[in-house]
Amino acid sequence: MIISNSDKNNMYMRFFLCSFILSGYILYQYNRLEIDSFKMEFQSNINKLYDTIRKITPYYLNTNTVELYKGTYTIDQVSVMVNENSKVKELSLGINLLETEIRKYIGDDYWSIAIIQKSDTNTDSNTAHFKPLREIHVNLNSEMKCNRNWIDRILINEKISNSYYVLSQCDLKLTEPYIENISDQKVRSIFYPIYVNKKLTAMFLLDMKDTVFTSWLNKFNRDRFSFLYYLNEDNPFFVSNDSINIPCSPIGNVLGLSINMNKVIIWSFLFASVITGCFIFIEQTLRKFIFYCTLDDMTGLYRRDFYEMKLNHMPDKSIIIVDIDKFKNINDKYGHSKGDEVITEVCRRLRQCIRGDDLAIRWGGEEFVIVLSNVSSIDLFNRSEAIRVSVSESPIAGMDVSVSIGAAIGKKSSFKRTLKMADTALYQSKNAGRNKVTVFEG
């Protein structure tokens, strides 16, 4: 049975659509599961970040002090701003170690670290450690002068209580995103009060770029091949809404989380294309192999040596034998290449006259057998006649070519017996002058 290009294209298209739908469904369900995985990873990351920040308290409490005059110093890459002569904690080593550990969680989204220490002698003065020291820090320090120390100002602006007991449940605060005036960098800040004997004496401050949470999500997507996005970003076509509550942050500081269906569709299309490409390659390779094993290379009909033994065990079949008239004369007069051209065209016309479930076999050099099922004698004659007319109605390779046909209906007959009857009918068509159809009914 020969499959047309149109049928093959329809089959490939159906396979692609099934692959596309299946890929889309799998990717969507996978991303639904990954939403919960990312929420757990997000909570783990931010809790580890908070726990790292809390390590500054024991270090601060057990660090020596040194007398420094008013001014700005750089100690081990940490800038120290002193507003008046006072005792200052030696925090540079701890800040460097803390920065290294914090970068494990926020990477390039790190912006700056600060530890602000109240003055022992002047409540409106302070000492601050910065890494790095940015222009906004210098400006804030010059603006404040002795109006109010930095810690008090932070408590007021951020609405943080200085009571040790109030902060015991959530002892730090993550701010909403804001833009620094001078750098125009969008950041989030984490404020962590440091107490000595339940008295607020210092404030730790971590500034990190607002992209830190996006970076966590992007890394998760790369590692897990997922397509998750925050709803508050400018991304199109989202479904399966979910959210992440950020601990120790203002009320309503929630990140909406969803699936980017654009990427699901695009990747489903790519997967389906690759799978379909592989299917086409395998199908065509198998088809060539089957063609090589079962089909005659010149005519595209089945080979006799592949089907003859099987046919011997298939009774109740009708048979048409087609033989090209005076084919030896064509070979002798025009050469074998012309003869091959005639055979090829006769078989092409023959294939146009048979049904999809008919079995067309090249039985000999110029002789062809068609095996049919469930046909009447009238139908068998009409189909045989259609083959004869198709061959003789127009020249082939510049010459008039005809075929003689013998057909037989096998009712409860073996294949061999039906074939012998069809061969006898063919012999009768030849004797009747060729270009004839003869049908026997067994």
Protein backbone atom coordinates (compact mmCIF):
# COMPACT_ATOMS: atom_id res chain seq x y z
CA MET A 1 0.00 0.00 0.00
CA ILE A 2 1.49 3.34 -1.04
CA ILE A 3 0.83 6.32 1.22
CA SER A 4 0.45 9.67 -0.56
CA ASN A 5 2.37 12.78 0.46
CA SER A 6 -0.90 14.39 1.57
CA ASP A 7 -1.67 11.48 3.89
CA LYS A 8 1.85 11.58 5.31
CA ASN A 9 1.65 15.33 5.91
CA ASN A 10 -1.68 14.90 7.71
CA MET A 11 -0.18 12.16 9.84
CA TYR A 12 2.82 14.35 10.71
CA MET A 13 0.54 17.27 11.58
CA ARG A 14 -1.61 15.14 13.87
CA PHE A 15 1.50 13.79 15.56
CA PHE A 16 2.82 17.35 16.05
CA LEU A 17 -0.47 18.55 17.56
CA CYS A 18 -0.60 15.58 19.95
CA SER A 19 3.03 16.20 20.95
CA PHE A 20 2.36 19.92 21.42
CA ILE A 21 -0.69 19.33 23.64
CA LEU A 22 1.09 16.65 25.67
CA SER A 23 4.23 18.79 26.09
CA GLY A 24 2.16 21.79 27.16
CA TYR A 25 0.22 19.75 29.69
CA ILE A 26 3.38 18.21 31.18
CA LEU A 27 5.18 21.58 31.38
CA TYR A 28 2.16 23.25 32.99
CA GLN A 29 1.72 20.53 35.61
CA TYR A 30 5.46 20.53 36.30
CA ASN A 31 5.47 24.30 36.89
CA ARG A 32 2.47 24.02 39.20
CA LEU A 33 4.52 21.68 41.37
CA GLU A 34 7.57 23.94 41.13
CA ILE A 35 5.62 26.87 42.61
CA ASP A 36 5.56 25.10 45.98
CA SER A 37 9.22 24.14 45.61
CA PHE A 38 10.25 27.73 45.00
CA LYS A 39 8.17 29.01 47.91
CA MET A 40 10.06 26.65 50.21
CA GLU A 41 13.39 27.65 48.69
CA PHE A 42 12.53 31.35 49.02
CA GLN A 43 11.67 30.95 52.70
CA SER A 44 14.88 28.97 53.24
CA ASN A 45 17.00 31.68 51.55
CA ILE A 46 15.52 34.59 53.44
CA ASN A 47 15.66 32.78 56.79
CA LYS A 48 19.33 31.94 56.18
CA LEU A 49 19.95 35.61 55.32
CA TYR A 50 18.22 36.74 58.51
CA ASP A 51 20.13 34.21 60.61
CA THR A 52 23.41 35.39 59.10
CA ILE A 53 22.59 38.99 60.02
CA ARG A 54 21.82 37.98 63.61
CA LYS A 55 25.39 36.71 63.97
CA ILE A 56 26.52 40.33 64.31
CA THR A 57 25.10 40.58 67.86
CA PRO A 58 27.54 38.23 69.66
CA TYR A 59 30.40 39.61 67.63
CA TYR A 60 29.44 43.17 68.52
CA LEU A 61 29.10 42.36 72.21
CA ASN A 62 32.54 40.74 72.40
CA THR A 63 34.51 43.25 70.35
CA ASN A 64 37.04 45.64 71.85
CA THR A 65 36.78 49.43 71.53
CA VAL A 66 39.36 51.95 70.44
CA GLU A 67 39.56 55.73 70.98
CA LEU A 68 39.10 57.66 67.70
CA TYR A 69 39.04 61.37 66.99
CA LYS A 70 36.29 62.99 64.99
CA GLY A 71 36.72 62.20 61.28
CA THR A 72 36.46 59.46 58.65
CA TYR A 73 38.76 56.43 58.61
CA THR A 74 39.30 53.39 56.41
CA ILE A 75 40.13 50.23 58.32
CA ASP A 76 40.46 46.96 56.38
CA GLN A 77 38.33 48.34 53.51
CA VAL A 78 35.62 49.43 55.98
CA SER A 79 34.91 53.17 56.28
CA VAL A 80 34.37 54.50 59.78
CA MET A 81 32.64 57.88 60.30
CA VAL A 82 33.13 59.43 63.77
CA ASN A 83 31.08 62.55 64.58
CA GLU A 84 32.93 63.33 67.81
CA ASN A 85 35.89 61.96 69.76
CA SER A 86 34.68 58.72 71.30
CA LYS A 87 35.25 55.03 71.87
CA VAL A 88 34.50 53.05 68.72
CA LYS A 89 33.93 49.32 68.34
CA GLU A 90 36.53 47.48 66.20
CA LEU A 91 34.05 45.98 63.76
CA SER A 92 35.96 45.88 60.45
CA LEU A 93 36.90 42.20 60.64
CA GLY A 94 33.35 41.17 61.54
CA ILE A 95 31.85 43.31 58.77
CA ASN A 96 34.17 41.75 56.16
CA LEU A 97 33.31 38.24 57.31
CA LEU A 98 29.60 39.07 57.40
CA GLU A 99 29.72 40.56 53.89
CA THR A 100 31.33 37.37 52.54
CA GLU A 101 28.62 35.20 54.07
CA ILE A 102 25.76 37.50 53.02
CA ARG A 103 26.98 37.45 49.42
CA LYS A 104 26.41 33.69 49.40
CA TYR A 105 22.69 34.43 49.50
CA ILE A 106 22.32 37.69 47.59
CA GLY A 107 25.39 37.69 45.31
CA ASP A 108 25.70 40.75 43.10
CA ASP A 109 22.53 42.22 44.62
CA TYR A 110 24.60 43.28 47.63
CA TRP A 111 24.66 47.08 47.97
CA SER A 112 26.12 48.07 51.34
CA ILE A 113 26.47 47.20 55.03
CA ALA A 114 26.36 49.67 57.90
CA ILE A 115 26.62 49.39 61.67
CA ILE A 116 25.62 52.57 63.53
CA GLN A 117 26.74 52.94 67.14
CA LYS A 118 25.35 55.43 69.63
CA SER A 119 27.81 57.76 71.25
CA ASP A 120 28.47 57.14 74.95
CA THR A 121 28.64 60.87 75.75
CA ASN A 122 26.29 62.61 73.32
CA THR A 123 22.89 61.13 72.53
CA ASP A 124 22.69 63.21 69.35
CA SER A 125 25.96 61.89 67.98
CA ASN A 126 26.87 58.58 66.41
CA THR A 127 29.63 56.49 64.92
CA ALA A 128 29.01 54.46 61.78
CA HIS A 129 30.85 51.70 59.91
CA PHE A 130 30.13 51.38 56.16
CA LYS A 131 31.17 48.95 53.47
CA PRO A 132 31.27 50.52 51.04
CA LEU A 133 30.87 54.17 52.03
CA ARG A 134 28.58 55.79 49.47
CA GLU A 135 27.88 59.43 48.74
CA ILE A 136 24.41 59.20 50.23
CA HIS A 137 25.92 58.17 53.59
CA VAL A 138 28.19 61.20 53.62
CA ASN A 139 25.30 63.51 52.73
CA LEU A 140 23.00 62.06 55.37
CA ASN A 141 25.67 62.46 58.00
CA SER A 142 26.29 66.10 57.07
CA GLU A 143 22.56 66.89 56.96
CA MET A 144 21.87 65.45 60.36
CA LYS A 145 24.65 67.27 62.22
CA CYS A 146 23.54 67.16 65.87
CA ASN A 147 19.82 67.29 65.18
CA ARG A 148 19.23 63.68 66.06
CA ASN A 149 21.38 60.55 66.01
CA TRP A 150 20.93 58.08 63.16
CA ILE A 151 19.43 55.29 65.25
CA ASP A 152 16.64 57.49 66.62
CA ARG A 153 15.93 58.77 63.14
CA ILE A 154 15.67 55.19 61.80
CA LEU A 155 13.32 54.21 64.62
CA ILE A 156 11.03 57.12 63.77
CA ASN A 157 11.14 56.78 59.97
CA GLU A 158 10.72 53.00 59.97
CA LYS A 159 8.27 52.95 62.89
CA ILE A 160 10.45 50.53 64.81
CA SER A 161 10.00 50.26 68.56
CA ASN A 162 13.13 50.52 70.71
CA SER A 163 11.62 48.06 73.17
CA TYR A 164 13.53 44.81 73.39
CA TYR A 165 10.34 42.89 74.23
CA VAL A 166 8.35 44.19 71.26
CA LEU A 167 11.02 43.08 68.80
CA SER A 168 11.61 39.69 70.35
CA GLN A 169 9.20 37.92 67.99
CA CYS A 170 10.57 39.48 64.81
CA ASP A 171 13.79 41.17 65.76
CA LEU A 172 14.57 42.75 62.38
CA LYS A 173 12.70 44.56 59.63
CA LEU A 174 12.82 44.27 55.84
CA THR A 175 11.61 47.43 54.13
CA GLU A 176 9.61 47.82 50.97
CA PRO A 177 11.60 48.85 47.87
CA TYR A 178 12.66 52.50 47.65
CA ILE A 179 15.01 54.54 45.47
CA GLU A 180 18.14 56.15 46.91
CA ASN A 181 18.19 59.86 46.13
CA ILE A 182 21.75 60.15 44.84
CA SER A 183 22.49 56.76 43.26
CA ASP A 184 18.93 56.22 41.93
CA GLN A 185 19.43 52.60 42.92
CA LYS A 186 16.25 50.78 43.91
CA VAL A 187 16.99 48.96 47.15
CA ARG A 188 15.50 47.15 50.10
CA SER A 189 16.94 47.61 53.57
CA ILE A 190 17.10 45.26 56.53
CA PHE A 191 17.31 46.94 59.95
CA TYR A 192 18.53 44.87 62.87
CA PRO A 193 18.75 46.49 66.34
CA ILE A 194 21.60 45.43 68.62
CA TYR A 195 20.92 45.46 72.38
CA VAL A 196 23.29 45.53 75.32
CA ASN A 197 21.56 44.60 78.59
CA LYS A 198 18.21 45.04 76.79
CA LYS A 199 19.20 48.60 75.85
CA LEU A 200 19.37 49.60 72.19
CA THR A 201 22.97 50.67 71.55
CA ALA A 202 23.56 49.99 67.84
CA MET A 203 21.76 49.32 64.57
CA PHE A 204 22.83 46.99 61.78
CA LEU A 205 21.74 47.98 58.27
CA LEU A 206 21.96 45.88 55.11
CA ASP A 207 21.06 47.52 51.79
CA MET A 208 20.48 45.15 48.90
CA LYS A 209 19.23 45.75 45.38
CA ASP A 210 15.52 45.26 44.87
CA THR A 211 16.36 42.65 42.20
CA VAL A 212 17.50 40.17 44.87
CA PHE A 213 14.20 38.27 44.90
CA THR A 214 14.09 38.24 41.11
CA SER A 215 17.63 36.85 41.11
CA TRP A 216 16.54 34.03 43.41
CA LEU A 217 13.67 33.21 41.08
CA ASN A 218 15.81 33.43 37.93
CA LYS A 219 18.37 31.06 39.44
CA PHE A 220 15.61 28.66 40.45
CA ASN A 221 14.19 28.76 36.91
CA ARG A 222 17.61 28.08 35.39
CA ASP A 223 18.37 25.22 37.77
CA ARG A 224 14.94 23.60 37.60
CA PHE A 225 13.92 24.54 34.04
CA SER A 226 10.76 26.21 35.28
CA PHE A 227 8.83 29.26 34.02
CA LEU A 228 7.80 31.06 37.20
CA TYR A 229 7.44 34.83 37.48
CA TYR A 230 6.37 37.43 40.01
CA LEU A 231 3.00 38.91 39.19
CA ASN A 232 4.13 42.40 40.10
CA GLU A 233 6.59 42.33 37.19
CA ASP A 234 5.60 43.43 33.70
CA ASN A 235 5.15 39.96 32.23
CA PRO A 236 2.26 38.88 29.98
CA PHE A 237 -0.25 36.07 30.22
CA PHE A 238 0.00 34.52 33.67
CA VAL A 239 -2.09 31.81 35.29
CA SER A 240 -2.20 29.78 38.51
CA ASN A 241 -1.81 32.67 40.90
CA ASP A 242 0.00 32.05 44.18
CA SER A 243 1.86 34.25 46.64
CA ILE A 244 4.85 34.39 48.98
CA ASN A 245 4.63 36.14 52.33
CA ILE A 246 7.94 37.80 53.17
CA PRO A 247 8.74 37.44 56.90
CA CYS A 248 9.59 40.50 59.00
CA SER A 249 8.33 42.87 56.32
CA PRO A 250 5.53 45.48 56.23
CA ILE A 251 1.90 44.36 56.09
CA GLY A 252 0.94 43.53 52.52
CA ASN A 253 4.52 42.94 51.41
CA VAL A 254 3.53 39.87 49.41
CA LEU A 255 5.05 38.61 46.16
CA GLY A 256 2.52 37.23 43.68
CA LEU A 257 3.82 34.12 41.92
CA SER A 258 2.58 32.54 38.73
CA ILE A 259 3.41 30.60 35.57
CA ASN A 260 4.44 32.35 32.37
CA MET A 261 2.23 30.61 29.82
CA ASN A 262 4.03 32.32 26.94
CA LYS A 263 7.13 30.28 27.75
CA VAL A 264 5.09 27.13 28.29
CA ILE A 265 3.64 27.54 24.78
CA ILE A 266 6.99 28.38 23.19
CA TRP A 267 8.81 25.45 24.80
CA SER A 268 5.90 23.11 24.04
CA PHE A 269 6.17 24.15 20.40
CA LEU A 270 9.94 23.53 20.42
CA PHE A 271 9.59 20.15 22.14
CA ALA A 272 6.82 19.12 19.76
CA SER A 273 8.94 20.22 16.78
CA VAL A 274 11.93 18.19 17.95
CA ILE A 275 9.82 15.15 18.78
CA THR A 276 8.02 15.38 15.45
CA GLY A 277 11.33 15.80 13.63
CA CYS A 278 12.63 12.65 15.33
CA PHE A 279 9.40 10.84 14.51
CA ILE A 280 9.61 11.84 10.84
CA PHE A 281 13.25 10.76 10.68
CA ILE A 282 12.51 7.38 12.29
CA GLU A 283 9.34 6.86 10.25
CA GLN A 284 11.07 7.66 6.97
CA THR A 285 14.05 5.49 7.90
CA LEU A 286 11.73 2.59 8.70
CA ARG A 287 9.78 3.25 5.52
CA LYS A 288 12.98 3.09 3.47
CA PHE A 289 13.96 -0.09 5.24
CA ILE A 290 10.55 -1.63 4.61
CA PHE A 291 10.69 -0.40 1.03
CA TYR A 292 14.07 -2.04 0.62
CA CYS A 293 12.79 -5.30 2.15
CA THR A 294 9.32 -5.48 0.63
CA LEU A 295 9.00 -3.15 -2.36
CA ASP A 296 10.41 -3.30 -5.83
CA ASP A 297 12.76 -0.36 -6.30
CA MET A 298 11.70 0.41 -9.88
CA THR A 299 7.93 0.09 -9.64
CA GLY A 300 7.11 0.72 -5.98
CA LEU A 301 5.04 -2.51 -5.98
CA TYR A 302 5.60 -5.31 -3.48
CA ARG A 303 8.21 -7.90 -4.27
CA ARG A 304 7.13 -11.43 -5.12
CA ASP A 305 9.74 -13.11 -2.93
CA PHE A 306 8.44 -11.21 0.13
CA TYR A 307 4.72 -12.01 -0.27
CA GLU A 308 4.40 -15.28 -2.23
CA MET A 309 4.71 -17.64 0.75
CA LYS A 310 2.25 -15.57 2.79
CA LEU A 311 -0.25 -15.53 -0.08
CA ASN A 312 -0.17 -19.31 -0.33
CA HIS A 313 -1.88 -19.39 3.09
CA MET A 314 -4.54 -16.79 2.20
CA PRO A 315 -7.65 -18.36 0.57
CA ASP A 316 -10.74 -16.62 -0.81
CA LYS A 317 -8.77 -13.93 -2.66
CA SER A 318 -9.45 -12.51 -6.11
CA ILE A 319 -6.50 -11.99 -8.42
CA ILE A 320 -5.74 -9.76 -11.40
CA ILE A 321 -2.68 -10.53 -13.55
CA VAL A 322 -1.45 -7.69 -15.77
CA ASP A 323 1.10 -8.37 -18.51
CA ILE A 324 2.61 -5.79 -20.87
CA ASP A 325 1.97 -6.76 -24.47
CA LYS A 326 4.97 -7.44 -26.72
CA PHE A 327 7.38 -6.17 -24.08
CA LYS A 328 10.28 -8.19 -25.52
CA ASN A 329 9.92 -6.32 -28.81
CA ILE A 330 10.18 -3.00 -26.91
CA ASN A 331 13.41 -4.10 -25.24
CA ASP A 332 14.87 -5.46 -28.47
CA LYS A 333 13.93 -2.41 -30.54
CA TYR A 334 14.44 0.48 -28.09
CA GLY A 335 16.75 -0.95 -25.43
CA HIS A 336 16.34 -1.94 -21.82
CA SER A 337 16.33 1.65 -20.52
CA LYS A 338 13.25 2.35 -22.65
CA GLY A 339 11.73 -0.88 -21.37
CA ASP A 340 12.34 0.19 -17.79
CA GLU A 341 10.65 3.51 -18.52
CA VAL A 342 7.60 1.67 -19.86
CA ILE A 343 7.41 -0.60 -16.79
CA THR A 344 7.67 2.38 -14.44
CA GLU A 345 4.87 4.31 -16.13
CA VAL A 346 2.58 1.28 -16.46
CA CYS A 347 2.95 0.65 -12.74
CA ARG A 348 2.25 4.29 -11.92
CA ARG A 349 -1.02 4.11 -13.87
CA LEU A 350 -1.81 0.75 -12.31
CA ARG A 351 -1.42 2.15 -8.78
CA GLN A 352 -3.89 4.91 -9.60
CA CYS A 353 -6.54 2.28 -10.35
CA ILE A 354 -6.26 0.17 -7.17
CA ARG A 355 -7.70 0.67 -3.70
CA GLY A 356 -5.71 1.24 -0.54
CA ASP A 357 -6.28 -2.31 0.74
CA ASP A 358 -5.34 -3.99 -2.57
CA LEU A 359 -2.00 -5.76 -2.76
CA ALA A 360 -0.02 -4.98 -5.94
CA ILE A 361 3.01 -7.21 -6.59
CA ARG A 362 5.63 -7.25 -9.32
CA TRP A 363 5.38 -10.94 -10.17
CA GLY A 364 7.89 -11.05 -13.02
CA GLY A 365 9.76 -8.70 -15.32
CA GLU A 366 6.69 -7.23 -17.03
CA GLU A 367 3.99 -9.17 -15.20
CA PHE A 368 2.10 -7.81 -12.19
CA VAL A 369 -0.34 -9.43 -9.77
CA ILE A 370 -3.04 -7.59 -7.81
CA VAL A 371 -4.65 -9.40 -4.87
CA LEU A 372 -8.13 -8.24 -3.85
CA SER A 373 -10.73 -9.11 -1.24
CA ASN A 374 -14.54 -9.05 -1.33
CA VAL A 375 -15.19 -8.18 -4.98
CA SER A 376 -17.90 -9.39 -7.32
CA SER A 377 -17.19 -10.64 -10.84
CA ILE A 378 -18.65 -7.42 -12.30
CA ASP A 379 -16.52 -5.26 -9.99
CA LEU A 380 -13.47 -7.34 -10.84
CA PHE A 381 -14.05 -6.89 -14.54
CA ASN A 382 -14.65 -3.13 -14.23
CA ARG A 383 -11.49 -2.62 -12.24
CA SER A 384 -9.46 -4.72 -14.62
CA GLU A 385 -10.89 -2.81 -17.55
CA ALA A 386 -9.99 0.49 -15.84
CA ILE A 387 -6.36 -0.64 -15.66
CA ARG A 388 -6.34 -1.68 -19.31
CA VAL A 389 -7.83 1.63 -20.46
CA SER A 390 -5.51 3.68 -18.23
CA VAL A 391 -2.46 2.09 -19.87
CA SER A 392 -3.62 2.22 -23.49
CA GLU A 393 -5.38 5.59 -23.57
CA SER A 394 -2.19 7.62 -24.04
CA PRO A 395 1.35 6.85 -25.30
CA ILE A 396 4.10 5.78 -22.91
CA ALA A 397 7.70 6.78 -23.68
CA GLY A 398 6.57 7.92 -27.14
CA MET A 399 4.93 4.64 -28.13
CA ASP A 400 1.55 2.91 -27.91
CA VAL A 401 1.59 0.40 -25.07
CA SER A 402 -1.13 -2.01 -24.03
CA VAL A 403 -1.62 -4.72 -21.44
CA SER A 404 -3.44 -8.01 -21.40
CA ILE A 405 -5.28 -8.88 -18.22
CA GLY A 406 -6.52 -12.11 -16.72
CA ALA A 407 -8.57 -12.13 -13.54
CA ALA A 408 -10.17 -14.75 -11.35
CA ILE A 409 -12.49 -14.76 -8.34
CA GLY A 410 -11.43 -17.26 -5.72
CA LYS A 411 -14.46 -18.53 -3.82
CA LYS A 412 -13.26 -20.97 -1.20
CA SER A 413 -10.22 -21.58 -3.37
CA SER A 414 -6.57 -21.56 -2.42
CA PHE A 415 -4.35 -18.78 -3.65
CA LYS A 416 -2.46 -21.14 -5.95
CA ARG A 417 -5.64 -22.36 -7.61
CA THR A 418 -7.00 -18.82 -8.07
CA LEU A 419 -3.64 -17.69 -9.46
CA LYS A 420 -3.68 -20.54 -11.94
CA MET A 421 -7.19 -19.55 -13.09
CA ALA A 422 -6.10 -15.93 -13.53
CA ASP A 423 -3.07 -17.08 -15.50
CA THR A 424 -5.34 -19.12 -17.77
CA ALA A 425 -7.56 -16.06 -18.23
CA LEU A 426 -4.47 -14.02 -19.11
CA TYR A 427 -3.46 -16.63 -21.69
CA GLN A 428 -6.94 -16.37 -23.20
CA SER A 429 -6.65 -12.53 -23.41
CA LYS A 430 -3.33 -12.92 -25.22
CA ASN A 431 -4.81 -15.40 -27.68
CA ALA A 432 -7.79 -13.11 -28.28
CA GLY A 433 -5.47 -10.48 -29.73
CA ARG A 434 -4.04 -8.80 -26.61
CA ASN A 435 -5.21 -5.56 -24.98
CA LYS A 436 -8.11 -7.55 -23.57
CA VAL A 437 -9.59 -8.42 -20.16
CA THR A 438 -10.76 -11.96 -19.31
CA VAL A 439 -12.37 -12.88 -15.96
CA PHE A 440 -12.88 -16.41 -14.62
CA GLU A 441 -14.98 -17.28 -11.61
CA GLY A 442 -13.85 -20.27 -9.59
